[in-house]
């Protein structure tokens, strides 16, 4: 700020304070928007990776399922028992993979922490000016 004499009127001081507070609020809103957008973008990218990975795994597993069922059938098991064994094993593996993906999504933090901290600092500065 510029060095000014204390000859400014109270109206001028309040006008300047009002302009500064408006600018501060706009900057805080922009910071919150930027932080939140970045967090949501990361979460969406992680969800997309999870979905694409799931599809690729599904396609690979379909080929392996077919091969495993027929391998067990050639070892002497009936085809339906072979399919049941492979199906149960895949269900367990699928459950574990889904739980890992959900855990990764839950750990994603979208709270605009920097904005919260700067708002607290701004409130302290404003309280200090009004005392």
N, C-alpha and C. Protein backbone atom coordinates (compact mmCIF):
# COMPACT_ATOMS: atom_id res chain seq x y z
N UNK A 1 0.83 -1.18 0.00
CA UNK A 1 0.00 0.00 0.00
C UNK A 1 0.87 1.24 0.00
N UNK A 2 0.33 2.30 -0.46
CA UNK A 2 1.06 3.55 -0.49
C UNK A 2 1.02 4.20 0.90
N UNK A 3 2.07 4.96 1.18
CA UNK A 3 2.06 5.72 2.43
C UNK A 3 1.15 6.92 2.23
N UNK A 4 0.15 7.02 3.05
CA UNK A 4 -0.78 8.14 2.96
C UNK A 4 -0.89 8.79 4.33
N UNK A 5 -1.21 10.03 4.30
CA UNK A 5 -1.48 10.72 5.55
C UNK A 5 -2.83 10.25 6.07
N UNK A 6 -3.08 10.50 7.31
CA UNK A 6 -4.34 10.08 7.92
C UNK A 6 -5.45 11.08 7.63
N UNK A 7 -5.31 11.87 6.55
CA UNK A 7 -6.32 12.87 6.27
C UNK A 7 -7.43 12.33 5.38
N UNK A 8 -7.44 11.04 5.09
CA UNK A 8 -8.54 10.47 4.31
C UNK A 8 -9.79 10.39 5.18
N UNK A 9 -10.91 10.58 4.52
CA UNK A 9 -12.17 10.53 5.27
C UNK A 9 -12.51 9.09 5.60
N UNK A 10 -13.42 8.94 6.54
CA UNK A 10 -13.87 7.62 6.94
C UNK A 10 -14.56 6.93 5.76
N UNK A 11 -15.29 7.67 4.96
CA UNK A 11 -15.96 7.13 3.78
C UNK A 11 -14.95 6.57 2.78
N UNK A 12 -13.84 7.31 2.59
CA UNK A 12 -12.79 6.83 1.68
C UNK A 12 -12.16 5.55 2.20
N UNK A 13 -11.91 5.50 3.50
CA UNK A 13 -11.32 4.31 4.10
C UNK A 13 -12.23 3.10 3.96
N UNK A 14 -13.53 3.30 4.24
CA UNK A 14 -14.47 2.20 4.10
C UNK A 14 -14.63 1.79 2.63
N UNK A 15 -14.58 2.75 1.73
CA UNK A 15 -14.66 2.44 0.30
C UNK A 15 -13.47 1.59 -0.14
N UNK A 16 -12.29 1.96 0.33
CA UNK A 16 -11.08 1.20 -0.01
C UNK A 16 -11.15 -0.20 0.59
N UNK A 17 -11.61 -0.29 1.84
CA UNK A 17 -11.76 -1.59 2.49
C UNK A 17 -12.76 -2.45 1.72
N UNK A 18 -13.84 -1.87 1.29
CA UNK A 18 -14.86 -2.60 0.54
C UNK A 18 -14.28 -3.13 -0.78
N UNK A 19 -13.53 -2.31 -1.49
CA UNK A 19 -12.91 -2.74 -2.75
C UNK A 19 -11.91 -3.87 -2.50
N UNK A 20 -11.12 -3.73 -1.46
CA UNK A 20 -10.13 -4.77 -1.15
C UNK A 20 -10.81 -6.08 -0.76
N UNK A 21 -11.89 -5.99 0.03
CA UNK A 21 -12.60 -7.20 0.43
C UNK A 21 -13.24 -7.88 -0.78
N UNK A 22 -13.80 -7.08 -1.69
CA UNK A 22 -14.39 -7.65 -2.90
C UNK A 22 -13.34 -8.37 -3.73
N UNK A 23 -12.20 -7.76 -3.89
CA UNK A 23 -11.10 -8.40 -4.64
C UNK A 23 -10.64 -9.67 -3.95
N UNK A 24 -10.52 -9.60 -2.64
CA UNK A 24 -10.09 -10.77 -1.87
C UNK A 24 -11.08 -11.92 -2.01
N UNK A 25 -12.36 -11.64 -1.91
CA UNK A 25 -13.37 -12.69 -2.04
C UNK A 25 -13.32 -13.29 -3.43
N UNK A 26 -13.20 -12.47 -4.46
CA UNK A 26 -13.11 -12.99 -5.83
C UNK A 26 -11.89 -13.90 -5.99
N UNK A 27 -10.78 -13.49 -5.44
CA UNK A 27 -9.57 -14.30 -5.54
C UNK A 27 -9.72 -15.62 -4.80
N UNK A 28 -10.37 -15.59 -3.65
CA UNK A 28 -10.57 -16.82 -2.88
C UNK A 28 -11.51 -17.77 -3.62
N UNK A 29 -12.55 -17.23 -4.22
CA UNK A 29 -13.48 -18.07 -4.99
C UNK A 29 -12.75 -18.69 -6.18
N UNK A 30 -11.92 -17.92 -6.84
CA UNK A 30 -11.16 -18.45 -7.98
C UNK A 30 -10.18 -19.53 -7.52
N UNK A 31 -9.54 -19.33 -6.39
CA UNK A 31 -8.62 -20.34 -5.86
C UNK A 31 -9.37 -21.62 -5.52
N UNK A 32 -10.52 -21.49 -4.89
CA UNK A 32 -11.32 -22.67 -4.55
C UNK A 32 -11.76 -23.41 -5.81
N UNK A 33 -12.18 -22.66 -6.82
CA UNK A 33 -12.60 -23.27 -8.08
C UNK A 33 -11.43 -24.02 -8.73
N UNK A 34 -10.27 -23.41 -8.76
CA UNK A 34 -9.10 -24.04 -9.37
C UNK A 34 -8.70 -25.31 -8.62
N UNK A 35 -8.67 -25.22 -7.30
CA UNK A 35 -8.30 -26.39 -6.49
C UNK A 35 -9.29 -27.53 -6.65
N UNK A 36 -10.57 -27.20 -6.61
CA UNK A 36 -11.60 -28.23 -6.71
C UNK A 36 -11.59 -28.86 -8.10
N UNK A 37 -11.43 -28.05 -9.13
CA UNK A 37 -11.37 -28.58 -10.49
C UNK A 37 -10.21 -29.55 -10.66
N UNK A 38 -9.06 -29.21 -10.11
CA UNK A 38 -7.90 -30.09 -10.22
C UNK A 38 -8.16 -31.41 -9.49
N UNK A 39 -8.76 -31.36 -8.32
CA UNK A 39 -9.04 -32.58 -7.57
C UNK A 39 -10.07 -33.46 -8.27
N UNK A 40 -11.12 -32.83 -8.79
CA UNK A 40 -12.16 -33.59 -9.48
C UNK A 40 -11.61 -34.19 -10.77
N UNK A 41 -10.75 -33.46 -11.46
CA UNK A 41 -10.13 -33.98 -12.69
C UNK A 41 -9.29 -35.21 -12.38
N UNK A 42 -8.52 -35.16 -11.31
CA UNK A 42 -7.71 -36.33 -10.93
C UNK A 42 -8.60 -37.52 -10.57
N UNK A 43 -9.67 -37.26 -9.85
CA UNK A 43 -10.58 -38.35 -9.48
C UNK A 43 -11.24 -38.95 -10.71
N UNK A 44 -11.65 -38.12 -11.67
CA UNK A 44 -12.27 -38.62 -12.90
C UNK A 44 -11.28 -39.43 -13.71
N UNK A 45 -10.04 -38.97 -13.76
CA UNK A 45 -9.00 -39.71 -14.49
C UNK A 45 -8.76 -41.07 -13.82
N UNK A 46 -8.72 -41.10 -12.51
CA UNK A 46 -8.54 -42.38 -11.80
C UNK A 46 -9.72 -43.32 -12.04
N UNK A 47 -10.94 -42.77 -12.06
CA UNK A 47 -12.12 -43.60 -12.33
C UNK A 47 -12.10 -44.13 -13.75
N UNK A 48 -11.66 -43.31 -14.70
CA UNK A 48 -11.57 -43.76 -16.09
C UNK A 48 -10.53 -44.87 -16.23
N UNK A 49 -9.39 -44.70 -15.57
CA UNK A 49 -8.37 -45.75 -15.60
C UNK A 49 -8.90 -47.05 -15.00
N UNK A 50 -9.66 -46.93 -13.95
CA UNK A 50 -10.26 -48.09 -13.31
C UNK A 50 -11.22 -48.79 -14.29
N UNK A 51 -12.04 -48.04 -14.97
CA UNK A 51 -13.01 -48.61 -15.91
C UNK A 51 -12.31 -49.27 -17.09
N UNK A 52 -11.35 -48.58 -17.69
CA UNK A 52 -10.63 -49.15 -18.84
C UNK A 52 -9.85 -50.39 -18.42
N UNK A 53 -9.20 -50.32 -17.30
CA UNK A 53 -8.48 -51.49 -16.79
C UNK A 53 -9.42 -52.66 -16.55
N UNK A 54 -10.60 -52.37 -16.03
CA UNK A 54 -11.58 -53.42 -15.80
C UNK A 54 -12.03 -54.10 -17.09
N UNK A 55 -12.24 -53.31 -18.14
CA UNK A 55 -12.65 -53.87 -19.43
C UNK A 55 -11.54 -54.75 -20.01
N UNK A 56 -10.31 -54.27 -19.96
CA UNK A 56 -9.19 -55.04 -20.50
C UNK A 56 -9.01 -56.34 -19.71
N UNK A 57 -9.10 -56.24 -18.41
CA UNK A 57 -9.00 -57.45 -17.58
C UNK A 57 -10.13 -58.41 -17.92
N UNK A 58 -11.32 -57.88 -18.11
CA UNK A 58 -12.45 -58.73 -18.45
C UNK A 58 -12.21 -59.50 -19.76
N UNK A 59 -11.73 -58.80 -20.76
CA UNK A 59 -11.48 -59.47 -22.04
C UNK A 59 -10.40 -60.54 -21.92
N UNK A 60 -9.35 -60.22 -21.22
CA UNK A 60 -8.28 -61.21 -21.01
C UNK A 60 -8.77 -62.41 -20.21
N UNK A 61 -9.56 -62.12 -19.21
CA UNK A 61 -10.08 -63.21 -18.38
C UNK A 61 -11.05 -64.09 -19.15
N UNK A 62 -11.79 -63.52 -20.07
CA UNK A 62 -12.71 -64.34 -20.86
C UNK A 62 -11.93 -65.40 -21.65
N UNK A 63 -10.81 -65.00 -22.23
CA UNK A 63 -10.00 -65.97 -22.97
C UNK A 63 -9.40 -67.00 -22.01
N UNK A 64 -8.94 -66.54 -20.85
CA UNK A 64 -8.36 -67.47 -19.87
C UNK A 64 -9.42 -68.39 -19.27
N UNK A 65 -10.60 -67.89 -19.09
CA UNK A 65 -11.70 -68.71 -18.56
C UNK A 65 -11.98 -69.86 -19.53
N UNK A 66 -12.10 -69.52 -20.77
CA UNK A 66 -12.35 -70.54 -21.78
C UNK A 66 -11.26 -71.61 -21.76
N UNK A 67 -10.02 -71.15 -21.71
CA UNK A 67 -8.90 -72.09 -21.70
C UNK A 67 -8.88 -72.92 -20.41
N UNK A 68 -9.15 -72.30 -19.27
CA UNK A 68 -9.11 -73.02 -17.99
C UNK A 68 -10.22 -74.06 -17.91
N UNK A 69 -11.40 -73.71 -18.39
CA UNK A 69 -12.51 -74.67 -18.36
C UNK A 69 -12.17 -75.90 -19.18
N UNK A 70 -11.64 -75.67 -20.37
CA UNK A 70 -11.32 -76.81 -21.22
C UNK A 70 -10.09 -77.57 -20.73
N UNK A 71 -9.18 -76.91 -20.03
CA UNK A 71 -8.04 -77.62 -19.45
C UNK A 71 -8.53 -78.58 -18.38
N UNK A 72 -9.42 -78.08 -17.49
CA UNK A 72 -9.97 -78.95 -16.45
C UNK A 72 -10.80 -80.08 -17.05
N UNK A 73 -11.51 -79.79 -18.12
CA UNK A 73 -12.32 -80.81 -18.77
C UNK A 73 -11.44 -81.90 -19.39
N UNK A 74 -10.30 -81.50 -19.93
CA UNK A 74 -9.39 -82.51 -20.52
C UNK A 74 -8.70 -83.32 -19.43
N UNK A 75 -8.68 -82.82 -18.21
CA UNK A 75 -8.09 -83.58 -17.10
C UNK A 75 -9.10 -84.58 -16.52
N UNK A 76 -10.31 -84.60 -17.04
CA UNK A 76 -11.27 -85.60 -16.62
C UNK A 76 -12.49 -85.09 -15.89
N UNK A 77 -12.55 -83.80 -15.56
CA UNK A 77 -13.73 -83.25 -14.89
C UNK A 77 -14.83 -82.98 -15.91
N UNK A 78 -16.07 -83.11 -15.49
CA UNK A 78 -17.15 -82.69 -16.40
C UNK A 78 -17.04 -81.19 -16.68
N UNK A 79 -17.50 -80.79 -17.84
CA UNK A 79 -17.38 -79.39 -18.25
C UNK A 79 -18.09 -78.46 -17.26
N UNK A 80 -19.25 -78.84 -16.74
CA UNK A 80 -19.97 -77.95 -15.83
C UNK A 80 -19.23 -77.76 -14.52
N UNK A 81 -18.56 -78.79 -14.02
CA UNK A 81 -17.77 -78.64 -12.78
C UNK A 81 -16.54 -77.77 -13.06
N UNK A 82 -15.94 -77.95 -14.21
CA UNK A 82 -14.79 -77.11 -14.60
C UNK A 82 -15.22 -75.64 -14.65
N UNK A 83 -16.36 -75.37 -15.25
CA UNK A 83 -16.87 -73.99 -15.35
C UNK A 83 -17.19 -73.43 -13.96
N UNK A 84 -17.74 -74.25 -13.08
CA UNK A 84 -18.05 -73.80 -11.73
C UNK A 84 -16.79 -73.44 -10.96
N UNK A 85 -15.77 -74.26 -11.03
CA UNK A 85 -14.50 -73.99 -10.32
C UNK A 85 -13.89 -72.69 -10.82
N UNK A 86 -13.80 -72.54 -12.13
CA UNK A 86 -13.20 -71.33 -12.71
C UNK A 86 -14.05 -70.10 -12.37
N UNK A 87 -15.37 -70.23 -12.42
CA UNK A 87 -16.25 -69.10 -12.12
C UNK A 87 -16.11 -68.61 -10.69
N UNK A 88 -16.03 -69.51 -9.74
CA UNK A 88 -15.86 -69.12 -8.33
C UNK A 88 -14.51 -68.43 -8.12
N UNK A 89 -13.48 -68.98 -8.72
CA UNK A 89 -12.15 -68.37 -8.58
C UNK A 89 -12.14 -66.95 -9.16
N UNK A 90 -12.76 -66.76 -10.30
CA UNK A 90 -12.81 -65.43 -10.91
C UNK A 90 -13.66 -64.45 -10.11
N UNK A 91 -14.73 -64.93 -9.52
CA UNK A 91 -15.57 -64.06 -8.69
C UNK A 91 -14.78 -63.52 -7.51
N UNK A 92 -13.97 -64.36 -6.89
CA UNK A 92 -13.15 -63.92 -5.75
C UNK A 92 -12.12 -62.88 -6.21
N UNK A 93 -11.45 -63.17 -7.32
CA UNK A 93 -10.45 -62.23 -7.85
C UNK A 93 -11.11 -60.90 -8.22
N UNK A 94 -12.27 -60.96 -8.86
CA UNK A 94 -12.99 -59.74 -9.24
C UNK A 94 -13.38 -58.91 -8.04
N UNK A 95 -13.83 -59.55 -6.98
CA UNK A 95 -14.20 -58.85 -5.77
C UNK A 95 -13.01 -58.09 -5.19
N UNK A 96 -11.86 -58.73 -5.14
CA UNK A 96 -10.66 -58.08 -4.61
C UNK A 96 -10.28 -56.87 -5.46
N UNK A 97 -10.35 -56.99 -6.78
CA UNK A 97 -10.00 -55.87 -7.66
C UNK A 97 -10.96 -54.70 -7.49
N UNK A 98 -12.23 -54.97 -7.39
CA UNK A 98 -13.22 -53.89 -7.21
C UNK A 98 -12.99 -53.19 -5.87
N UNK A 99 -12.69 -53.93 -4.82
CA UNK A 99 -12.43 -53.32 -3.52
C UNK A 99 -11.21 -52.41 -3.56
N UNK A 100 -10.17 -52.83 -4.27
CA UNK A 100 -8.98 -51.97 -4.41
C UNK A 100 -9.31 -50.67 -5.13
N UNK A 101 -10.07 -50.77 -6.22
CA UNK A 101 -10.45 -49.56 -6.96
C UNK A 101 -11.29 -48.62 -6.13
N UNK A 102 -12.25 -49.15 -5.40
CA UNK A 102 -13.08 -48.31 -4.53
C UNK A 102 -12.26 -47.64 -3.43
N UNK A 103 -11.32 -48.37 -2.89
CA UNK A 103 -10.47 -47.81 -1.84
C UNK A 103 -9.64 -46.65 -2.39
N UNK A 104 -9.13 -46.80 -3.62
CA UNK A 104 -8.35 -45.71 -4.23
C UNK A 104 -9.22 -44.48 -4.47
N UNK A 105 -10.46 -44.68 -4.90
CA UNK A 105 -11.35 -43.55 -5.12
C UNK A 105 -11.73 -42.87 -3.81
N UNK A 106 -11.95 -43.64 -2.77
CA UNK A 106 -12.31 -43.06 -1.46
C UNK A 106 -11.16 -42.23 -0.87
N UNK A 107 -9.94 -42.61 -1.17
CA UNK A 107 -8.81 -41.89 -0.59
C UNK A 107 -8.53 -40.57 -1.31
N UNK A 108 -9.19 -40.34 -2.44
CA UNK A 108 -9.00 -39.09 -3.18
C UNK A 108 -9.62 -37.95 -2.39
N UNK A 109 -8.81 -36.95 -2.05
CA UNK A 109 -9.26 -35.81 -1.26
C UNK A 109 -9.59 -34.65 -2.19
N UNK A 110 -10.83 -34.17 -2.15
CA UNK A 110 -11.25 -33.05 -3.00
C UNK A 110 -11.46 -31.77 -2.20
N UNK A 111 -11.04 -31.76 -0.95
CA UNK A 111 -11.19 -30.57 -0.12
C UNK A 111 -10.17 -29.51 -0.55
N UNK A 112 -10.62 -28.28 -0.81
CA UNK A 112 -9.69 -27.20 -1.19
C UNK A 112 -8.93 -26.68 0.04
N UNK A 113 -7.94 -27.41 0.47
CA UNK A 113 -7.24 -27.10 1.72
C UNK A 113 -6.54 -25.74 1.70
N UNK A 114 -5.89 -25.40 0.59
CA UNK A 114 -5.20 -24.10 0.53
C UNK A 114 -6.20 -22.96 0.65
N UNK A 115 -7.35 -23.10 0.03
CA UNK A 115 -8.37 -22.06 0.11
C UNK A 115 -8.86 -21.89 1.53
N UNK A 116 -9.09 -22.98 2.22
CA UNK A 116 -9.54 -22.92 3.61
C UNK A 116 -8.51 -22.20 4.47
N UNK A 117 -7.24 -22.54 4.27
CA UNK A 117 -6.18 -21.90 5.06
C UNK A 117 -6.09 -20.40 4.76
N UNK A 118 -6.16 -20.02 3.48
CA UNK A 118 -6.07 -18.60 3.17
C UNK A 118 -7.30 -17.84 3.66
N UNK A 119 -8.46 -18.49 3.65
CA UNK A 119 -9.65 -17.82 4.21
C UNK A 119 -9.49 -17.57 5.70
N UNK A 120 -8.91 -18.54 6.39
CA UNK A 120 -8.66 -18.34 7.83
C UNK A 120 -7.69 -17.19 8.05
N UNK A 121 -6.63 -17.15 7.22
CA UNK A 121 -5.65 -16.06 7.35
C UNK A 121 -6.29 -14.72 7.04
N UNK A 122 -7.14 -14.68 6.00
CA UNK A 122 -7.81 -13.44 5.63
C UNK A 122 -8.72 -12.96 6.76
N UNK A 123 -9.44 -13.90 7.39
CA UNK A 123 -10.32 -13.52 8.48
C UNK A 123 -9.52 -12.93 9.63
N UNK A 124 -8.35 -13.50 9.91
CA UNK A 124 -7.50 -12.97 10.98
C UNK A 124 -7.01 -11.57 10.64
N UNK A 125 -6.65 -11.34 9.37
CA UNK A 125 -6.18 -10.01 8.96
C UNK A 125 -7.30 -9.00 9.09
N UNK A 126 -8.50 -9.38 8.66
CA UNK A 126 -9.64 -8.46 8.75
C UNK A 126 -9.96 -8.14 10.21
N UNK A 127 -9.93 -9.17 11.06
CA UNK A 127 -10.17 -8.93 12.49
C UNK A 127 -9.11 -7.98 13.06
N UNK A 128 -7.87 -8.14 12.61
CA UNK A 128 -6.78 -7.29 13.10
C UNK A 128 -6.98 -5.84 12.65
N UNK A 129 -7.52 -5.63 11.46
CA UNK A 129 -7.73 -4.27 10.96
C UNK A 129 -8.89 -3.58 11.65
N UNK A 130 -9.88 -4.33 12.04
CA UNK A 130 -11.07 -3.71 12.63
C UNK A 130 -10.91 -3.45 14.11
N UNK A 131 -9.87 -3.97 14.71
CA UNK A 131 -9.67 -3.73 16.16
C UNK A 131 -9.05 -2.38 16.40
